[in-house]
Amino acid sequence: KIPNFLERMLKYAAPSLLTAICIPIIFFDGQHVLKEMPNNPYLYAAIFSIFVSLITRHILVSLILSLIFFYILIYFLT
């Protein structure tokens, strides 16, 4: 059996890892150069996906709506 403190720490491992992977993709373009904020579809799609996941509470629906929103942004902003 895993001790309680270790089990509580492991609940934060996946969100922390996902954040560490996503932040450079959202904010940086190439070699440590910040992306332009007004025209950053990654940032808008990340914010949209957070709101959709909080509202729907369904992983598949959130994923599909977020991808559709992201591709629409890519099409219109680039």
N, C-alpha and C. Protein backbone atom coordinates (compact mmCIF):
# COMPACT_ATOMS: atom_id res chain seq x y z
N LYS A 1 0.84 -1.19 0.00
CA LYS A 1 0.00 0.00 0.00
C LYS A 1 0.87 1.24 0.00
N ILE A 2 0.45 2.21 -0.81
CA ILE A 2 1.18 3.48 -0.92
C ILE A 2 0.80 4.37 0.26
N PRO A 3 1.78 5.02 0.89
CA PRO A 3 1.45 5.95 1.98
C PRO A 3 0.61 7.12 1.48
N ASN A 4 -0.17 7.69 2.39
CA ASN A 4 -1.09 8.78 2.04
C ASN A 4 -0.38 9.99 1.44
N PHE A 5 0.76 10.39 2.01
CA PHE A 5 1.45 11.57 1.49
C PHE A 5 1.95 11.34 0.07
N LEU A 6 2.38 10.12 -0.24
CA LEU A 6 2.84 9.81 -1.60
C LEU A 6 1.66 9.78 -2.57
N GLU A 7 0.54 9.26 -2.13
CA GLU A 7 -0.66 9.23 -2.98
C GLU A 7 -1.15 10.65 -3.28
N ARG A 8 -1.10 11.53 -2.29
CA ARG A 8 -1.50 12.93 -2.51
C ARG A 8 -0.53 13.62 -3.47
N MET A 9 0.76 13.33 -3.36
CA MET A 9 1.74 13.94 -4.27
C MET A 9 1.54 13.46 -5.70
N LEU A 10 1.18 12.21 -5.88
CA LEU A 10 0.99 11.66 -7.23
C LEU A 10 -0.23 12.24 -7.92
N LYS A 11 -1.20 12.76 -7.19
CA LYS A 11 -2.36 13.39 -7.81
C LYS A 11 -1.97 14.66 -8.56
N TYR A 12 -0.87 15.29 -8.17
CA TYR A 12 -0.42 16.52 -8.81
C TYR A 12 0.62 16.27 -9.89
N ALA A 13 1.07 15.03 -10.06
CA ALA A 13 2.14 14.73 -11.01
C ALA A 13 1.69 14.95 -12.46
N ALA A 14 0.52 14.45 -12.84
CA ALA A 14 0.06 14.57 -14.22
C ALA A 14 -0.20 16.03 -14.62
N PRO A 15 -0.92 16.83 -13.82
CA PRO A 15 -1.11 18.23 -14.21
C PRO A 15 0.21 19.00 -14.27
N SER A 16 1.13 18.70 -13.37
CA SER A 16 2.42 19.39 -13.39
C SER A 16 3.22 19.04 -14.63
N LEU A 17 3.22 17.78 -15.00
CA LEU A 17 3.93 17.34 -16.20
C LEU A 17 3.31 17.93 -17.45
N LEU A 18 2.00 17.94 -17.52
CA LEU A 18 1.30 18.50 -18.67
C LEU A 18 1.57 19.99 -18.80
N THR A 19 1.60 20.70 -17.68
CA THR A 19 1.91 22.13 -17.70
C THR A 19 3.33 22.37 -18.18
N ALA A 20 4.26 21.57 -17.71
CA ALA A 20 5.66 21.73 -18.12
C ALA A 20 5.84 21.47 -19.62
N ILE A 21 5.04 20.62 -20.19
CA ILE A 21 5.13 20.33 -21.63
C ILE A 21 4.44 21.42 -22.44
N CYS A 22 3.29 21.90 -21.98
CA CYS A 22 2.47 22.82 -22.77
C CYS A 22 2.94 24.26 -22.75
N ILE A 23 3.50 24.73 -21.67
CA ILE A 23 3.89 26.14 -21.56
C ILE A 23 4.86 26.57 -22.67
N PRO A 24 5.93 25.82 -22.94
CA PRO A 24 6.81 26.25 -24.05
C PRO A 24 6.13 26.24 -25.41
N ILE A 25 5.19 25.33 -25.63
CA ILE A 25 4.48 25.27 -26.90
C ILE A 25 3.57 26.49 -27.06
N ILE A 26 2.93 26.89 -25.98
CA ILE A 26 1.98 28.00 -26.03
C ILE A 26 2.68 29.34 -26.16
N PHE A 27 3.76 29.55 -25.41
CA PHE A 27 4.34 30.89 -25.31
C PHE A 27 5.61 31.11 -26.13
N PHE A 28 6.32 30.06 -26.52
CA PHE A 28 7.61 30.26 -27.20
C PHE A 28 7.56 29.75 -28.63
N ASP A 29 8.28 30.47 -29.49
CA ASP A 29 8.34 30.14 -30.90
C ASP A 29 9.80 29.85 -31.26
N GLY A 30 10.12 28.60 -31.40
CA GLY A 30 11.49 28.26 -31.76
C GLY A 30 12.43 28.35 -30.57
N GLN A 31 13.54 29.05 -30.77
CA GLN A 31 14.61 29.11 -29.78
C GLN A 31 14.43 30.26 -28.80
N HIS A 32 13.63 30.07 -27.79
CA HIS A 32 13.46 31.03 -26.69
C HIS A 32 12.99 32.40 -27.15
N VAL A 33 12.18 32.46 -28.17
CA VAL A 33 11.59 33.71 -28.65
C VAL A 33 10.10 33.67 -28.34
N LEU A 34 9.60 34.69 -27.65
CA LEU A 34 8.18 34.73 -27.31
C LEU A 34 7.33 34.92 -28.56
N LYS A 35 6.20 34.23 -28.59
CA LYS A 35 5.26 34.40 -29.70
C LYS A 35 4.53 35.72 -29.52
N GLU A 36 4.02 36.24 -30.62
CA GLU A 36 3.23 37.47 -30.56
C GLU A 36 1.91 37.16 -29.84
N MET A 37 1.59 37.93 -28.84
CA MET A 37 0.41 37.64 -28.04
C MET A 37 -0.92 37.94 -28.74
N PRO A 38 -1.07 39.03 -29.50
CA PRO A 38 -2.39 39.23 -30.13
C PRO A 38 -2.73 38.17 -31.18
N ASN A 39 -1.74 37.57 -31.80
CA ASN A 39 -1.97 36.59 -32.85
C ASN A 39 -1.51 35.20 -32.45
N ASN A 40 -1.71 34.82 -31.21
CA ASN A 40 -1.26 33.54 -30.72
C ASN A 40 -2.45 32.58 -30.57
N PRO A 41 -2.70 31.76 -31.60
CA PRO A 41 -3.85 30.85 -31.52
C PRO A 41 -3.67 29.78 -30.44
N TYR A 42 -2.44 29.44 -30.10
CA TYR A 42 -2.19 28.45 -29.06
C TYR A 42 -2.68 28.94 -27.70
N LEU A 43 -2.45 30.21 -27.41
CA LEU A 43 -2.90 30.79 -26.14
C LEU A 43 -4.43 30.84 -26.07
N TYR A 44 -5.06 31.32 -27.13
CA TYR A 44 -6.51 31.40 -27.16
C TYR A 44 -7.15 30.01 -27.07
N ALA A 45 -6.56 29.04 -27.76
CA ALA A 45 -7.10 27.67 -27.72
C ALA A 45 -6.91 27.06 -26.33
N ALA A 46 -5.81 27.36 -25.66
CA ALA A 46 -5.60 26.84 -24.31
C ALA A 46 -6.62 27.42 -23.34
N ILE A 47 -6.87 28.72 -23.43
CA ILE A 47 -7.86 29.35 -22.56
C ILE A 47 -9.25 28.79 -22.86
N PHE A 48 -9.57 28.65 -24.14
CA PHE A 48 -10.87 28.09 -24.52
C PHE A 48 -11.03 26.67 -24.00
N SER A 49 -9.98 25.85 -24.11
CA SER A 49 -10.09 24.46 -23.66
C SER A 49 -10.28 24.37 -22.15
N ILE A 50 -9.68 25.30 -21.40
CA ILE A 50 -9.89 25.30 -19.95
C ILE A 50 -11.35 25.59 -19.63
N PHE A 51 -11.91 26.61 -20.26
CA PHE A 51 -13.31 26.94 -20.01
C PHE A 51 -14.26 25.83 -20.45
N VAL A 52 -14.00 25.24 -21.60
CA VAL A 52 -14.87 24.17 -22.09
C VAL A 52 -14.80 22.97 -21.15
N SER A 53 -13.61 22.63 -20.68
CA SER A 53 -13.50 21.48 -19.78
C SER A 53 -14.16 21.75 -18.43
N LEU A 54 -14.13 23.00 -17.97
CA LEU A 54 -14.82 23.33 -16.72
C LEU A 54 -16.33 23.28 -16.88
N ILE A 55 -16.83 23.66 -18.05
CA ILE A 55 -18.27 23.68 -18.28
C ILE A 55 -18.82 22.29 -18.57
N THR A 56 -18.17 21.55 -19.46
CA THR A 56 -18.73 20.27 -19.89
C THR A 56 -18.40 19.11 -18.97
N ARG A 57 -17.20 19.09 -18.42
CA ARG A 57 -16.73 17.99 -17.55
C ARG A 57 -16.67 16.66 -18.29
N HIS A 58 -16.59 16.68 -19.63
CA HIS A 58 -16.43 15.47 -20.44
C HIS A 58 -15.16 15.62 -21.26
N ILE A 59 -14.27 14.65 -21.14
CA ILE A 59 -12.97 14.74 -21.81
C ILE A 59 -13.12 14.76 -23.32
N LEU A 60 -13.91 13.86 -23.87
CA LEU A 60 -14.03 13.75 -25.32
C LEU A 60 -14.67 15.00 -25.93
N VAL A 61 -15.73 15.50 -25.31
CA VAL A 61 -16.40 16.71 -25.81
C VAL A 61 -15.44 17.90 -25.74
N SER A 62 -14.71 18.02 -24.63
CA SER A 62 -13.75 19.11 -24.48
C SER A 62 -12.65 19.03 -25.52
N LEU A 63 -12.17 17.83 -25.77
CA LEU A 63 -11.11 17.64 -26.75
C LEU A 63 -11.57 18.01 -28.15
N ILE A 64 -12.73 17.55 -28.54
CA ILE A 64 -13.24 17.81 -29.89
C ILE A 64 -13.53 19.30 -30.08
N LEU A 65 -14.19 19.93 -29.13
CA LEU A 65 -14.50 21.36 -29.24
C LEU A 65 -13.22 22.21 -29.24
N SER A 66 -12.26 21.83 -28.43
CA SER A 66 -11.00 22.57 -28.38
C SER A 66 -10.21 22.45 -29.68
N LEU A 67 -10.20 21.26 -30.25
CA LEU A 67 -9.50 21.08 -31.53
C LEU A 67 -10.18 21.85 -32.65
N ILE A 68 -11.49 21.81 -32.68
CA ILE A 68 -12.22 22.58 -33.70
C ILE A 68 -11.92 24.06 -33.56
N PHE A 69 -11.97 24.56 -32.33
CA PHE A 69 -11.68 25.98 -32.08
C PHE A 69 -10.25 26.32 -32.49
N PHE A 70 -9.30 25.45 -32.16
CA PHE A 70 -7.90 25.69 -32.50
C PHE A 70 -7.70 25.74 -34.02
N TYR A 71 -8.27 24.81 -34.73
CA TYR A 71 -8.10 24.79 -36.19
C TYR A 71 -8.78 25.98 -36.86
N ILE A 72 -9.90 26.42 -36.32
CA ILE A 72 -10.54 27.64 -36.84
C ILE A 72 -9.63 28.84 -36.61
N LEU A 73 -9.03 28.93 -35.43
CA LEU A 73 -8.10 30.02 -35.15
C LEU A 73 -6.89 29.99 -36.08
N ILE A 74 -6.33 28.82 -36.27
CA ILE A 74 -5.17 28.68 -37.17
C ILE A 74 -5.54 29.16 -38.57
N TYR A 75 -6.73 28.80 -39.03
CA TYR A 75 -7.16 29.16 -40.37
C TYR A 75 -7.31 30.68 -40.51
N PHE A 76 -7.90 31.33 -39.50
CA PHE A 76 -8.18 32.76 -39.62
C PHE A 76 -7.03 33.66 -39.17
N LEU A 77 -6.17 33.20 -38.27
CA LEU A 77 -5.09 34.06 -37.77
C LEU A 77 -3.79 33.93 -38.56
N THR A 78 -3.65 32.89 -39.36
CA THR A 78 -2.40 32.77 -40.14
C THR A 78 -2.66 32.90 -41.61
